[in-house]
Amino acid sequence: MAVYRKALITELSSLDRSWSLINSKPGGNPDQKQIRVGLQIKLALLNLVQDYRRAQDIAAGLVDLATPSPELSKFVIDELDMLLVTSPRTALRVITRSAIQSLNEGSSFPRSVDEKRNGLPPVFIVAAAESQRIHGEKLAQSLKENGIDAQGVDVISSAKDAKLNAPENLEIRFSKGANEESFLSGLAEKVKRFTGEEPKLVNVSTDHDPGTYEIWLSKR
C-alpha cells in the first residue's frame, strides 16, 4: 500500500507541477474547466500526502486557486467536507477545517511560518466532543507557551464516517518516525503538569502522519 501511495504521490506531484507551469505562462488565462482539473489534482494530493508541512502548502495552493470563483470555492468546500467526515487522520482533518474556513471567509490559507519549520514536530489535541474543546484549547495554549508547536484542537465527533473512538484514559499517540525520546518525555511531562494525569504513550502505525504527535483526551 505504501509503495502504491508513494508512486501515486510522485505522479500527481508531476501533474501538479506541469499544470502550474503551463497555466502560469505569460498571457495564460486558464478557464474554469482547466482550473477544476488543477483543483482535482491538488485535492487528490492533499488526501494522499502524509507530510503535515507539505499538506499545508498544498492546501494553501488549493485555496488560492479556488478563491476567485464562488462556484469553484463551493466545489472545493464540498470535496473537503467529505474528507472532514471520512478521514481518520487528525492532521488532514485539521488542515481541511482551516481550508474550509479560509474559503468561506475569502481569505488566504494560513501558511506555515518559518519559525515553525525549525524542526519542532506538530502536536495536535484530539477531543471526543465539542464539550471538550475549551479544555483542549487551553491545553494547546499552555503547550505553545512552553515551546511546543501545538496546532489546535480536532473534535472527532465531526468525523462521523471515520468511526473514531476516544480512549478511556489520556493518551499521546505517535508513530515510529516521530519517536524522539527526549521530545516525547518532555511533552508527556508538560501534558501531565496541565491535566494532572499521566498520559499513556501509544506507538501507532496506521491513520497517523509520521513526524506528528497527537494528544487524545479521555472520555468524560
N, C-alpha and C. Protein backbone atom coordinates (compact mmCIF):
# COMPACT_ATOMS: atom_id res chain seq x y z
N MET A 1 0.83 -1.20 0.00
CA MET A 1 0.00 0.00 0.00
C MET A 1 0.87 1.25 0.00
N ALA A 2 1.93 1.25 0.85
CA ALA A 2 2.82 2.40 0.94
C ALA A 2 3.53 2.66 -0.38
N VAL A 3 3.88 1.56 -1.08
CA VAL A 3 4.58 1.69 -2.38
C VAL A 3 3.66 2.34 -3.39
N TYR A 4 2.40 1.90 -3.43
CA TYR A 4 1.43 2.46 -4.37
C TYR A 4 1.14 3.93 -4.03
N ARG A 5 1.05 4.22 -2.73
CA ARG A 5 0.81 5.60 -2.31
C ARG A 5 1.95 6.50 -2.78
N LYS A 6 3.18 6.05 -2.57
CA LYS A 6 4.34 6.84 -2.96
C LYS A 6 4.38 7.08 -4.46
N ALA A 7 4.08 6.03 -5.23
CA ALA A 7 4.09 6.15 -6.69
C ALA A 7 3.01 7.12 -7.16
N LEU A 8 1.85 7.04 -6.53
CA LEU A 8 0.74 7.92 -6.91
C LEU A 8 1.04 9.37 -6.55
N ILE A 9 1.66 9.57 -5.39
CA ILE A 9 2.03 10.93 -4.98
C ILE A 9 3.05 11.52 -5.96
N THR A 10 4.00 10.69 -6.38
CA THR A 10 5.01 11.14 -7.35
C THR A 10 4.36 11.55 -8.66
N GLU A 11 3.43 10.72 -9.14
CA GLU A 11 2.75 11.01 -10.41
C GLU A 11 1.89 12.27 -10.30
N LEU A 12 1.14 12.39 -9.21
CA LEU A 12 0.28 13.56 -9.03
C LEU A 12 1.11 14.84 -8.84
N SER A 13 2.24 14.72 -8.16
CA SER A 13 3.12 15.88 -7.97
C SER A 13 3.65 16.37 -9.30
N SER A 14 3.98 15.43 -10.17
CA SER A 14 4.45 15.78 -11.51
C SER A 14 3.35 16.48 -12.31
N LEU A 15 2.14 15.96 -12.21
CA LEU A 15 1.00 16.58 -12.89
C LEU A 15 0.73 17.98 -12.35
N ASP A 16 0.86 18.13 -11.04
CA ASP A 16 0.62 19.42 -10.41
C ASP A 16 1.64 20.46 -10.89
N ARG A 17 2.91 20.05 -10.96
CA ARG A 17 3.96 20.96 -11.44
C ARG A 17 3.73 21.32 -12.90
N SER A 18 3.36 20.33 -13.71
CA SER A 18 3.11 20.58 -15.14
C SER A 18 1.93 21.53 -15.32
N TRP A 19 0.87 21.30 -14.55
CA TRP A 19 -0.31 22.17 -14.66
C TRP A 19 0.07 23.60 -14.30
N SER A 20 0.82 23.77 -13.20
CA SER A 20 1.22 25.10 -12.75
C SER A 20 2.11 25.79 -13.78
N LEU A 21 3.02 25.02 -14.38
CA LEU A 21 3.94 25.58 -15.37
C LEU A 21 3.18 26.05 -16.60
N ILE A 22 2.28 25.24 -17.09
CA ILE A 22 1.52 25.58 -18.30
C ILE A 22 0.62 26.78 -18.06
N ASN A 23 -0.02 26.83 -16.90
CA ASN A 23 -1.03 27.86 -16.66
C ASN A 23 -0.49 29.13 -16.01
N SER A 24 0.83 29.14 -15.74
CA SER A 24 1.43 30.36 -15.18
C SER A 24 2.26 31.11 -16.22
N LYS A 25 2.25 30.65 -17.47
CA LYS A 25 2.99 31.32 -18.52
C LYS A 25 2.37 32.69 -18.80
N PRO A 26 3.20 33.65 -19.22
CA PRO A 26 2.67 34.98 -19.55
C PRO A 26 1.54 34.88 -20.57
N GLY A 27 0.45 35.56 -20.30
CA GLY A 27 -0.69 35.52 -21.22
C GLY A 27 -1.61 34.34 -20.97
N GLY A 28 -1.18 33.43 -20.07
CA GLY A 28 -2.02 32.28 -19.77
C GLY A 28 -3.22 32.68 -18.94
N ASN A 29 -4.37 32.22 -19.32
CA ASN A 29 -5.59 32.56 -18.59
C ASN A 29 -6.50 31.34 -18.59
N PRO A 30 -6.22 30.37 -17.68
CA PRO A 30 -6.97 29.12 -17.68
C PRO A 30 -8.46 29.34 -17.42
N ASP A 31 -9.30 28.60 -18.16
CA ASP A 31 -10.73 28.72 -17.93
C ASP A 31 -11.12 27.85 -16.73
N GLN A 32 -12.40 27.89 -16.35
CA GLN A 32 -12.83 27.17 -15.15
C GLN A 32 -12.65 25.67 -15.27
N LYS A 33 -12.79 25.15 -16.49
CA LYS A 33 -12.60 23.71 -16.69
C LYS A 33 -11.16 23.31 -16.39
N GLN A 34 -10.21 24.13 -16.87
CA GLN A 34 -8.79 23.85 -16.61
C GLN A 34 -8.47 24.02 -15.12
N ILE A 35 -9.04 25.06 -14.50
CA ILE A 35 -8.79 25.29 -13.08
C ILE A 35 -9.34 24.13 -12.26
N ARG A 36 -10.49 23.61 -12.65
CA ARG A 36 -11.08 22.47 -11.93
C ARG A 36 -10.15 21.25 -11.98
N VAL A 37 -9.50 21.06 -13.12
CA VAL A 37 -8.53 19.97 -13.24
C VAL A 37 -7.40 20.18 -12.24
N GLY A 38 -6.87 21.42 -12.18
CA GLY A 38 -5.81 21.72 -11.22
C GLY A 38 -6.25 21.50 -9.79
N LEU A 39 -7.48 21.87 -9.49
CA LEU A 39 -8.02 21.67 -8.14
C LEU A 39 -8.15 20.19 -7.80
N GLN A 40 -8.60 19.40 -8.76
CA GLN A 40 -8.76 17.96 -8.52
C GLN A 40 -7.42 17.29 -8.25
N ILE A 41 -6.38 17.74 -8.95
CA ILE A 41 -5.04 17.20 -8.71
C ILE A 41 -4.60 17.52 -7.28
N LYS A 42 -4.79 18.77 -6.86
CA LYS A 42 -4.39 19.18 -5.51
C LYS A 42 -5.21 18.47 -4.43
N LEU A 43 -6.50 18.27 -4.69
CA LEU A 43 -7.34 17.56 -3.73
C LEU A 43 -6.87 16.12 -3.54
N ALA A 44 -6.52 15.48 -4.66
CA ALA A 44 -6.02 14.10 -4.58
C ALA A 44 -4.70 14.05 -3.81
N LEU A 45 -3.83 15.01 -4.08
CA LEU A 45 -2.55 15.07 -3.36
C LEU A 45 -2.76 15.29 -1.87
N LEU A 46 -3.65 16.20 -1.54
CA LEU A 46 -3.93 16.51 -0.14
C LEU A 46 -4.38 15.26 0.62
N ASN A 47 -5.18 14.46 -0.02
CA ASN A 47 -5.70 13.24 0.61
C ASN A 47 -4.62 12.18 0.81
N LEU A 48 -3.57 12.21 -0.05
CA LEU A 48 -2.56 11.16 -0.02
C LEU A 48 -1.32 11.51 0.79
N VAL A 49 -0.90 12.76 0.72
CA VAL A 49 0.36 13.17 1.33
C VAL A 49 0.30 13.02 2.86
N GLN A 50 1.31 12.40 3.43
CA GLN A 50 1.38 12.23 4.89
C GLN A 50 2.57 13.00 5.45
N ASP A 51 2.68 14.23 5.01
CA ASP A 51 3.70 15.16 5.48
C ASP A 51 2.95 16.45 5.81
N TYR A 52 2.81 16.75 7.09
CA TYR A 52 1.94 17.85 7.52
C TYR A 52 2.32 19.18 6.89
N ARG A 53 3.60 19.51 6.87
CA ARG A 53 4.03 20.79 6.32
C ARG A 53 3.74 20.86 4.82
N ARG A 54 4.00 19.78 4.12
CA ARG A 54 3.72 19.78 2.68
C ARG A 54 2.21 19.87 2.43
N ALA A 55 1.44 19.16 3.23
CA ALA A 55 -0.02 19.20 3.08
C ALA A 55 -0.55 20.62 3.30
N GLN A 56 0.05 21.35 4.23
CA GLN A 56 -0.34 22.75 4.44
C GLN A 56 -0.11 23.57 3.17
N ASP A 57 1.04 23.35 2.54
CA ASP A 57 1.35 24.10 1.31
C ASP A 57 0.39 23.74 0.18
N ILE A 58 0.02 22.45 0.09
CA ILE A 58 -0.94 22.02 -0.93
C ILE A 58 -2.29 22.69 -0.68
N ALA A 59 -2.71 22.71 0.58
CA ALA A 59 -3.99 23.34 0.93
C ALA A 59 -3.97 24.84 0.62
N ALA A 60 -2.83 25.48 0.87
CA ALA A 60 -2.70 26.91 0.57
C ALA A 60 -2.87 27.16 -0.92
N GLY A 61 -2.25 26.30 -1.74
CA GLY A 61 -2.39 26.44 -3.19
C GLY A 61 -3.82 26.17 -3.64
N LEU A 62 -4.46 25.24 -3.00
CA LEU A 62 -5.85 24.90 -3.31
C LEU A 62 -6.77 26.09 -3.04
N VAL A 63 -6.59 26.72 -1.89
CA VAL A 63 -7.41 27.87 -1.52
C VAL A 63 -7.15 29.04 -2.47
N ASP A 64 -5.87 29.29 -2.77
CA ASP A 64 -5.53 30.40 -3.67
C ASP A 64 -6.16 30.22 -5.05
N LEU A 65 -6.17 28.97 -5.52
CA LEU A 65 -6.69 28.69 -6.85
C LEU A 65 -8.22 28.79 -6.91
N ALA A 66 -8.88 28.38 -5.83
CA ALA A 66 -10.35 28.34 -5.85
C ALA A 66 -11.01 29.66 -5.45
N THR A 67 -10.35 30.44 -4.60
CA THR A 67 -10.98 31.64 -4.01
C THR A 67 -11.59 32.62 -5.01
N PRO A 68 -10.94 32.92 -6.15
CA PRO A 68 -11.52 33.92 -7.06
C PRO A 68 -12.89 33.55 -7.63
N SER A 69 -13.25 32.27 -7.58
CA SER A 69 -14.52 31.84 -8.16
C SER A 69 -15.44 31.26 -7.09
N PRO A 70 -16.61 31.86 -6.85
CA PRO A 70 -17.57 31.30 -5.89
C PRO A 70 -17.97 29.87 -6.24
N GLU A 71 -18.11 29.60 -7.53
CA GLU A 71 -18.52 28.25 -7.96
C GLU A 71 -17.44 27.22 -7.64
N LEU A 72 -16.18 27.57 -7.92
CA LEU A 72 -15.09 26.64 -7.64
C LEU A 72 -14.82 26.54 -6.14
N SER A 73 -15.02 27.64 -5.42
CA SER A 73 -14.88 27.59 -3.96
C SER A 73 -15.88 26.60 -3.37
N LYS A 74 -17.11 26.64 -3.86
CA LYS A 74 -18.13 25.72 -3.37
C LYS A 74 -17.77 24.28 -3.72
N PHE A 75 -17.23 24.07 -4.92
CA PHE A 75 -16.80 22.72 -5.34
C PHE A 75 -15.75 22.18 -4.38
N VAL A 76 -14.75 23.02 -4.05
CA VAL A 76 -13.68 22.58 -3.16
C VAL A 76 -14.20 22.36 -1.74
N ILE A 77 -15.05 23.26 -1.27
CA ILE A 77 -15.62 23.10 0.08
C ILE A 77 -16.40 21.79 0.19
N ASP A 78 -17.17 21.45 -0.83
CA ASP A 78 -17.93 20.19 -0.83
C ASP A 78 -16.99 18.99 -0.76
N GLU A 79 -15.90 19.05 -1.53
CA GLU A 79 -14.93 17.95 -1.52
C GLU A 79 -14.24 17.85 -0.15
N LEU A 80 -13.88 18.98 0.41
CA LEU A 80 -13.21 19.00 1.72
C LEU A 80 -14.14 18.55 2.83
N ASP A 81 -15.43 18.89 2.71
CA ASP A 81 -16.41 18.43 3.70
C ASP A 81 -16.44 16.91 3.77
N MET A 82 -16.32 16.26 2.62
CA MET A 82 -16.31 14.78 2.61
C MET A 82 -15.07 14.24 3.31
N LEU A 83 -13.92 14.90 3.08
CA LEU A 83 -12.69 14.48 3.77
C LEU A 83 -12.84 14.65 5.27
N LEU A 84 -13.44 15.74 5.67
CA LEU A 84 -13.60 16.05 7.09
C LEU A 84 -14.43 14.98 7.80
N VAL A 85 -15.41 14.47 7.11
CA VAL A 85 -16.31 13.47 7.70
C VAL A 85 -15.73 12.06 7.66
N THR A 86 -14.91 11.78 6.64
CA THR A 86 -14.48 10.39 6.42
C THR A 86 -13.04 10.09 6.84
N SER A 87 -12.17 11.08 6.90
CA SER A 87 -10.76 10.79 7.13
C SER A 87 -10.47 10.45 8.60
N PRO A 88 -9.73 9.37 8.85
CA PRO A 88 -9.33 9.05 10.21
C PRO A 88 -8.06 9.78 10.64
N ARG A 89 -7.45 10.57 9.74
CA ARG A 89 -6.16 11.23 10.01
C ARG A 89 -6.37 12.62 10.62
N THR A 90 -5.89 12.80 11.82
CA THR A 90 -6.05 14.07 12.54
C THR A 90 -5.45 15.24 11.77
N ALA A 91 -4.22 15.10 11.31
CA ALA A 91 -3.54 16.20 10.62
C ALA A 91 -4.33 16.65 9.40
N LEU A 92 -4.86 15.70 8.65
CA LEU A 92 -5.64 16.04 7.46
C LEU A 92 -6.93 16.76 7.83
N ARG A 93 -7.59 16.32 8.89
CA ARG A 93 -8.83 16.99 9.30
C ARG A 93 -8.57 18.42 9.76
N VAL A 94 -7.47 18.65 10.45
CA VAL A 94 -7.14 20.00 10.91
C VAL A 94 -6.88 20.92 9.72
N ILE A 95 -6.12 20.44 8.75
CA ILE A 95 -5.84 21.22 7.54
C ILE A 95 -7.12 21.47 6.76
N THR A 96 -7.94 20.44 6.63
CA THR A 96 -9.19 20.55 5.89
C THR A 96 -10.11 21.60 6.50
N ARG A 97 -10.22 21.58 7.82
CA ARG A 97 -11.08 22.56 8.50
C ARG A 97 -10.57 23.99 8.28
N SER A 98 -9.27 24.18 8.33
CA SER A 98 -8.68 25.50 8.09
C SER A 98 -8.93 25.97 6.66
N ALA A 99 -8.81 25.04 5.71
CA ALA A 99 -9.03 25.39 4.30
C ALA A 99 -10.48 25.79 4.06
N ILE A 100 -11.41 25.05 4.65
CA ILE A 100 -12.84 25.38 4.51
C ILE A 100 -13.12 26.76 5.10
N GLN A 101 -12.55 27.04 6.25
CA GLN A 101 -12.75 28.36 6.88
C GLN A 101 -12.21 29.47 5.98
N SER A 102 -11.03 29.25 5.41
CA SER A 102 -10.43 30.27 4.53
C SER A 102 -11.30 30.51 3.30
N LEU A 103 -11.83 29.45 2.71
CA LEU A 103 -12.69 29.59 1.53
C LEU A 103 -14.00 30.29 1.88
N ASN A 104 -14.56 29.96 3.02
CA ASN A 104 -15.81 30.61 3.44
C ASN A 104 -15.60 32.10 3.71
N GLU A 105 -14.42 32.45 4.20
CA GLU A 105 -14.12 33.85 4.53
C GLU A 105 -13.52 34.61 3.37
N GLY A 106 -13.12 33.87 2.30
CA GLY A 106 -12.46 34.52 1.17
C GLY A 106 -11.07 35.01 1.51
N SER A 107 -10.41 34.32 2.45
CA SER A 107 -9.08 34.72 2.90
C SER A 107 -8.04 33.67 2.52
N SER A 108 -6.77 34.02 2.63
CA SER A 108 -5.70 33.08 2.31
C SER A 108 -5.57 32.03 3.40
N PHE A 109 -5.13 30.85 3.00
CA PHE A 109 -4.86 29.78 3.97
C PHE A 109 -3.63 30.17 4.78
N PRO A 110 -3.67 29.99 6.11
CA PRO A 110 -2.51 30.36 6.94
C PRO A 110 -1.33 29.42 6.68
N ARG A 111 -0.36 29.87 5.91
CA ARG A 111 0.80 29.04 5.58
C ARG A 111 1.71 28.88 6.80
N SER A 112 2.52 27.83 6.77
CA SER A 112 3.48 27.59 7.85
C SER A 112 4.50 28.73 7.87
N VAL A 113 4.68 29.32 9.03
CA VAL A 113 5.68 30.37 9.14
C VAL A 113 7.04 29.76 9.42
N ASP A 114 8.09 30.50 9.09
CA ASP A 114 9.44 29.95 9.14
C ASP A 114 9.82 29.37 10.49
N GLU A 115 9.39 30.05 11.58
CA GLU A 115 9.80 29.55 12.89
C GLU A 115 9.19 28.18 13.21
N LYS A 116 8.14 27.81 12.48
CA LYS A 116 7.55 26.50 12.72
C LYS A 116 8.18 25.43 11.84
N ARG A 117 9.21 25.79 11.10
CA ARG A 117 9.92 24.82 10.28
C ARG A 117 11.32 24.55 10.87
N ASN A 118 11.48 24.86 12.14
CA ASN A 118 12.81 24.74 12.75
C ASN A 118 13.04 23.39 13.39
N GLY A 119 12.28 22.41 12.98
CA GLY A 119 12.48 21.06 13.49
C GLY A 119 11.51 20.64 14.57
N LEU A 120 10.70 21.57 15.07
CA LEU A 120 9.72 21.20 16.09
C LEU A 120 8.58 20.42 15.45
N PRO A 121 8.27 19.24 15.95
CA PRO A 121 7.16 18.46 15.36
C PRO A 121 5.80 19.05 15.72
N PRO A 122 4.84 18.96 14.81
CA PRO A 122 3.49 19.45 15.11
C PRO A 122 2.81 18.55 16.15
N VAL A 123 2.05 19.17 17.03
CA VAL A 123 1.31 18.45 18.06
C VAL A 123 -0.16 18.82 17.95
N PHE A 124 -1.03 17.82 17.94
CA PHE A 124 -2.48 18.04 17.83
C PHE A 124 -3.16 17.58 19.11
N ILE A 125 -4.22 18.28 19.49
CA ILE A 125 -5.05 17.84 20.61
C ILE A 125 -6.35 17.30 20.02
N VAL A 126 -6.72 16.10 20.40
CA VAL A 126 -7.91 15.44 19.86
C VAL A 126 -8.94 15.29 20.97
N ALA A 127 -10.11 15.91 20.76
CA ALA A 127 -11.19 15.87 21.75
C ALA A 127 -12.30 14.96 21.27
N ALA A 128 -13.02 14.35 22.20
CA ALA A 128 -14.10 13.44 21.84
C ALA A 128 -15.33 14.19 21.36
N ALA A 129 -15.59 15.37 21.96
CA ALA A 129 -16.81 16.11 21.66
C ALA A 129 -16.56 17.61 21.83
N GLU A 130 -17.49 18.40 21.35
CA GLU A 130 -17.37 19.86 21.43
C GLU A 130 -17.23 20.33 22.87
N SER A 131 -17.81 19.59 23.81
CA SER A 131 -17.76 19.98 25.22
C SER A 131 -16.33 20.01 25.76
N GLN A 132 -15.40 19.33 25.06
CA GLN A 132 -14.00 19.30 25.50
C GLN A 132 -13.14 20.33 24.78
N ARG A 133 -13.74 21.08 23.84
CA ARG A 133 -12.93 21.99 23.01
C ARG A 133 -12.21 23.05 23.85
N ILE A 134 -12.92 23.69 24.77
CA ILE A 134 -12.31 24.76 25.55
C ILE A 134 -11.13 24.22 26.36
N HIS A 135 -11.32 23.05 26.97
CA HIS A 135 -10.23 22.42 27.72
C HIS A 135 -9.05 22.14 26.79
N GLY A 136 -9.35 21.64 25.59
CA GLY A 136 -8.30 21.35 24.62
C GLY A 136 -7.57 22.60 24.16
N GLU A 137 -8.30 23.68 23.96
CA GLU A 137 -7.68 24.95 23.53
C GLU A 137 -6.79 25.52 24.63
N LYS A 138 -7.20 25.36 25.88
CA LYS A 138 -6.37 25.82 27.00
C LYS A 138 -5.08 24.99 27.08
N LEU A 139 -5.20 23.70 26.84
CA LEU A 139 -4.02 22.84 26.82
C LEU A 139 -3.09 23.25 25.68
N ALA A 140 -3.66 23.51 24.50
CA ALA A 140 -2.86 23.93 23.34
C ALA A 140 -2.11 25.23 23.66
N GLN A 141 -2.80 26.18 24.27
CA GLN A 141 -2.16 27.45 24.61
C GLN A 141 -1.03 27.25 25.62
N SER A 142 -1.26 26.39 26.59
CA SER A 142 -0.23 26.10 27.59
C SER A 142 1.00 25.48 26.93
N LEU A 143 0.77 24.57 25.99
CA LEU A 143 1.89 23.93 25.29
C LEU A 143 2.66 24.93 24.45
N LYS A 144 1.94 25.84 23.76
CA LYS A 144 2.60 26.87 22.95
C LYS A 144 3.49 27.74 23.82
N GLU A 145 3.00 28.09 25.00
CA GLU A 145 3.76 28.94 25.92
C GLU A 145 5.01 28.22 26.43
N ASN A 146 5.02 26.90 26.29
CA ASN A 146 6.16 26.09 26.73
C ASN A 146 6.98 25.57 25.55
N GLY A 147 6.86 26.25 24.40
CA GLY A 147 7.71 25.94 23.27
C GLY A 147 7.28 24.77 22.41
N ILE A 148 6.04 24.33 22.55
CA ILE A 148 5.53 23.21 21.75
C ILE A 148 4.72 23.76 20.58
N ASP A 149 4.90 23.16 19.41
CA ASP A 149 4.19 23.62 18.20
C ASP A 149 2.79 23.00 18.15
N ALA A 150 1.93 23.43 19.07
CA ALA A 150 0.55 22.91 19.14
C ALA A 150 -0.27 23.50 18.00
N GLN A 151 -0.96 22.63 17.26
CA GLN A 151 -1.69 23.03 16.07
C GLN A 151 -3.19 23.20 16.29
N GLY A 152 -3.62 23.18 17.52
CA GLY A 152 -5.04 23.38 17.78
C GLY A 152 -5.77 22.10 18.13
N VAL A 153 -7.10 22.18 18.14
CA VAL A 153 -7.94 21.09 18.62
C VAL A 153 -8.78 20.49 17.50
N ASP A 154 -8.81 19.17 17.44
CA ASP A 154 -9.67 18.46 16.50
C ASP A 154 -10.72 17.70 17.28
N VAL A 155 -11.98 17.83 16.90
CA VAL A 155 -13.07 17.13 17.58
C VAL A 155 -13.50 15.94 16.73
N ILE A 156 -13.31 14.74 17.22
CA ILE A 156 -13.51 13.55 16.39
C ILE A 156 -14.99 13.27 16.10
N SER A 157 -15.89 13.87 16.85
CA SER A 157 -17.31 13.62 16.57
C SER A 157 -17.71 14.17 15.20
N SER A 158 -16.90 15.10 14.66
CA SER A 158 -17.20 15.64 13.32
C SER A 158 -16.84 14.65 12.22
N ALA A 159 -15.93 13.71 12.52
CA ALA A 159 -15.53 12.69 11.54
C ALA A 159 -16.45 11.49 11.67
N LYS A 160 -17.73 11.69 11.32
CA LYS A 160 -18.76 10.69 11.59
C LYS A 160 -18.52 9.34 10.93
N ASP A 161 -17.98 9.36 9.70
CA ASP A 161 -17.80 8.11 8.97
C ASP A 161 -16.46 7.44 9.24
N ALA A 162 -15.58 8.10 9.99
CA ALA A 162 -14.27 7.52 10.28
C ALA A 162 -14.32 6.56 11.45
N LYS A 163 -15.41 6.60 12.22
CA LYS A 163 -15.64 5.69 13.34
C LYS A 163 -14.48 5.72 14.33
N LEU A 164 -14.15 6.93 14.78
CA LEU A 164 -13.08 7.10 15.75
C LEU A 164 -13.64 7.08 17.16
N ASN A 165 -12.89 6.51 18.07
CA ASN A 165 -13.33 6.42 19.46
C ASN A 165 -12.30 7.03 20.39
N ALA A 166 -12.76 7.83 21.32
CA ALA A 166 -11.86 8.41 22.31
C ALA A 166 -11.39 7.33 23.28
N PRO A 167 -10.17 7.43 23.79
CA PRO A 167 -9.66 6.42 24.72
C PRO A 167 -10.27 6.57 26.11
N GLU A 168 -10.16 5.53 26.90
CA GLU A 168 -10.65 5.58 28.28
C GLU A 168 -9.78 6.49 29.14
N ASN A 169 -8.48 6.57 28.80
CA ASN A 169 -7.54 7.39 29.56
C ASN A 169 -6.75 8.28 28.61
N LEU A 170 -6.20 9.36 29.13
CA LEU A 170 -5.42 10.31 28.35
C LEU A 170 -4.25 9.61 27.64
N GLU A 171 -4.09 9.89 26.35
CA GLU A 171 -3.02 9.26 25.57
C GLU A 171 -2.24 10.28 24.76
N ILE A 172 -0.96 9.97 24.51
CA ILE A 172 -0.17 10.67 23.49
C ILE A 172 0.18 9.63 22.45
N ARG A 173 -0.30 9.85 21.22
CA ARG A 173 -0.06 8.90 20.14
C ARG A 173 1.02 9.44 19.21
N PHE A 174 1.90 8.55 18.78
CA PHE A 174 2.99 8.93 17.90
C PHE A 174 3.32 7.75 17.00
N SER A 175 4.01 8.03 15.91
CA SER A 175 4.44 6.96 15.02
C SER A 175 5.94 6.75 15.19
N LYS A 176 6.44 5.68 14.64
CA LYS A 176 7.84 5.33 14.82
C LYS A 176 8.77 6.46 14.37
N GLY A 177 8.39 7.12 13.27
CA GLY A 177 9.21 8.20 12.74
C GLY A 177 9.27 9.41 13.65
N ALA A 178 8.31 9.52 14.56
CA ALA A 178 8.26 10.67 15.46
C ALA A 178 8.76 10.32 16.86
N ASN A 179 9.27 9.12 17.00
CA ASN A 179 9.64 8.66 18.33
C ASN A 179 10.99 9.23 18.77
N GLU A 180 11.00 10.49 19.11
CA GLU A 180 12.19 11.13 19.65
C GLU A 180 12.00 11.16 21.16
N GLU A 181 12.76 10.34 21.84
CA GLU A 181 12.51 10.09 23.25
C GLU A 181 12.52 11.35 24.11
N SER A 182 13.48 12.23 23.88
CA SER A 182 13.57 13.43 24.72
C SER A 182 12.36 14.34 24.52
N PHE A 183 11.93 14.50 23.25
CA PHE A 183 10.77 15.34 22.99
C PHE A 183 9.52 14.71 23.58
N LEU A 184 9.37 13.41 23.39
CA LEU A 184 8.18 12.71 23.87
C LEU A 184 8.06 12.78 25.38
N SER A 185 9.18 12.57 26.08
CA SER A 185 9.13 12.62 27.55
C SER A 185 8.84 14.04 28.03
N GLY A 186 9.40 15.03 27.34
CA GLY A 186 9.14 16.43 27.70
C GLY A 186 7.69 16.80 27.45
N LEU A 187 7.14 16.33 26.33
CA LEU A 187 5.73 16.60 26.02
C LEU A 187 4.83 15.95 27.06
N ALA A 188 5.13 14.71 27.41
CA ALA A 188 4.32 13.99 28.40
C ALA A 188 4.33 14.72 29.74
N GLU A 189 5.48 15.25 30.13
CA GLU A 189 5.60 15.97 31.40
C GLU A 189 4.77 17.25 31.38
N LYS A 190 4.80 17.97 30.26
CA LYS A 190 4.02 19.21 30.14
C LYS A 190 2.52 18.92 30.16
N VAL A 191 2.12 17.84 29.50
CA VAL A 191 0.71 17.46 29.49
C VAL A 191 0.26 17.06 30.89
N LYS A 192 1.08 16.30 31.58
CA LYS A 192 0.76 15.86 32.94
C LYS A 192 0.64 17.06 33.88
N ARG A 193 1.53 18.03 33.72
CA ARG A 193 1.52 19.22 34.57
C ARG A 193 0.22 20.01 34.39
N PHE A 194 -0.28 20.04 33.16
CA PHE A 194 -1.51 20.81 32.90
C PHE A 194 -2.75 20.04 33.31
N THR A 195 -2.80 18.74 33.00
CA THR A 195 -4.03 17.96 33.20
C THR A 195 -4.10 17.27 34.56
N GLY A 196 -2.93 17.06 35.16
CA GLY A 196 -2.91 16.29 36.40
C GLY A 196 -2.97 14.80 36.17
N GLU A 197 -2.92 14.38 34.89
CA GLU A 197 -2.99 12.96 34.55
C GLU A 197 -1.70 12.51 33.88
N GLU A 198 -1.33 11.28 34.11
CA GLU A 198 -0.17 10.69 33.45
C GLU A 198 -0.63 10.14 32.10
N PRO A 199 -0.17 10.73 30.99
CA PRO A 199 -0.64 10.23 29.70
C PRO A 199 0.01 8.89 29.33
N LYS A 200 -0.78 8.03 28.72
CA LYS A 200 -0.27 6.77 28.21
C LYS A 200 0.37 7.04 26.86
N LEU A 201 1.57 6.53 26.61
CA LEU A 201 2.28 6.73 25.35
C LEU A 201 1.97 5.56 24.42
N VAL A 202 1.40 5.87 23.26
CA VAL A 202 0.93 4.82 22.35
C VAL A 202 1.59 4.98 20.98
N ASN A 203 2.37 3.97 20.60
CA ASN A 203 3.02 3.95 19.29
C ASN A 203 2.02 3.38 18.27
N VAL A 204 1.59 4.19 17.31
CA VAL A 204 0.61 3.74 16.34
C VAL A 204 1.24 3.68 14.95
N SER A 205 0.71 2.83 14.10
CA SER A 205 1.30 2.64 12.77
C SER A 205 0.35 2.98 11.64
N THR A 206 -0.94 3.15 11.95
CA THR A 206 -1.89 3.45 10.89
C THR A 206 -2.66 4.73 11.21
N ASP A 207 -3.16 5.38 10.16
CA ASP A 207 -4.00 6.58 10.29
C ASP A 207 -3.31 7.68 11.10
N HIS A 208 -2.00 7.76 10.95
CA HIS A 208 -1.24 8.75 11.70
C HIS A 208 -0.13 9.29 10.81
N ASP A 209 -0.02 10.61 10.72
CA ASP A 209 1.02 11.20 9.88
C ASP A 209 2.37 11.12 10.58
N PRO A 210 3.38 10.54 9.93
CA PRO A 210 4.71 10.44 10.53
C PRO A 210 5.24 11.82 10.92
N GLY A 211 5.96 11.87 12.03
CA GLY A 211 6.55 13.13 12.47
C GLY A 211 5.62 14.02 13.26
N THR A 212 4.42 13.54 13.58
CA THR A 212 3.48 14.32 14.36
C THR A 212 3.13 13.58 15.66
N TYR A 213 2.62 14.35 16.61
CA TYR A 213 2.17 13.79 17.89
C TYR A 213 0.72 14.21 18.11
N GLU A 214 -0.06 13.32 18.73
CA GLU A 214 -1.47 13.59 18.98
C GLU A 214 -1.79 13.32 20.45
N ILE A 215 -2.36 14.32 21.10
CA ILE A 215 -2.79 14.16 22.50
C ILE A 215 -4.30 13.89 22.46
N TRP A 216 -4.68 12.66 22.81
CA TRP A 216 -6.10 12.27 22.78
C TRP A 216 -6.66 12.40 24.20
N LEU A 217 -7.64 13.31 24.34
CA LEU A 217 -8.31 13.47 25.63
C LEU A 217 -9.19 12.27 25.90
N SER A 218 -9.29 11.90 27.16
CA SER A 218 -10.07 10.71 27.53
C SER A 218 -11.57 11.00 27.49
N LYS A 219 -12.34 9.92 27.45
CA LYS A 219 -13.81 10.04 27.51
C LYS A 219 -14.20 10.69 28.83
N ARG A 220 -15.29 11.45 28.79
CA ARG A 220 -15.76 12.11 30.02
C ARG A 220 -17.03 11.42 30.50
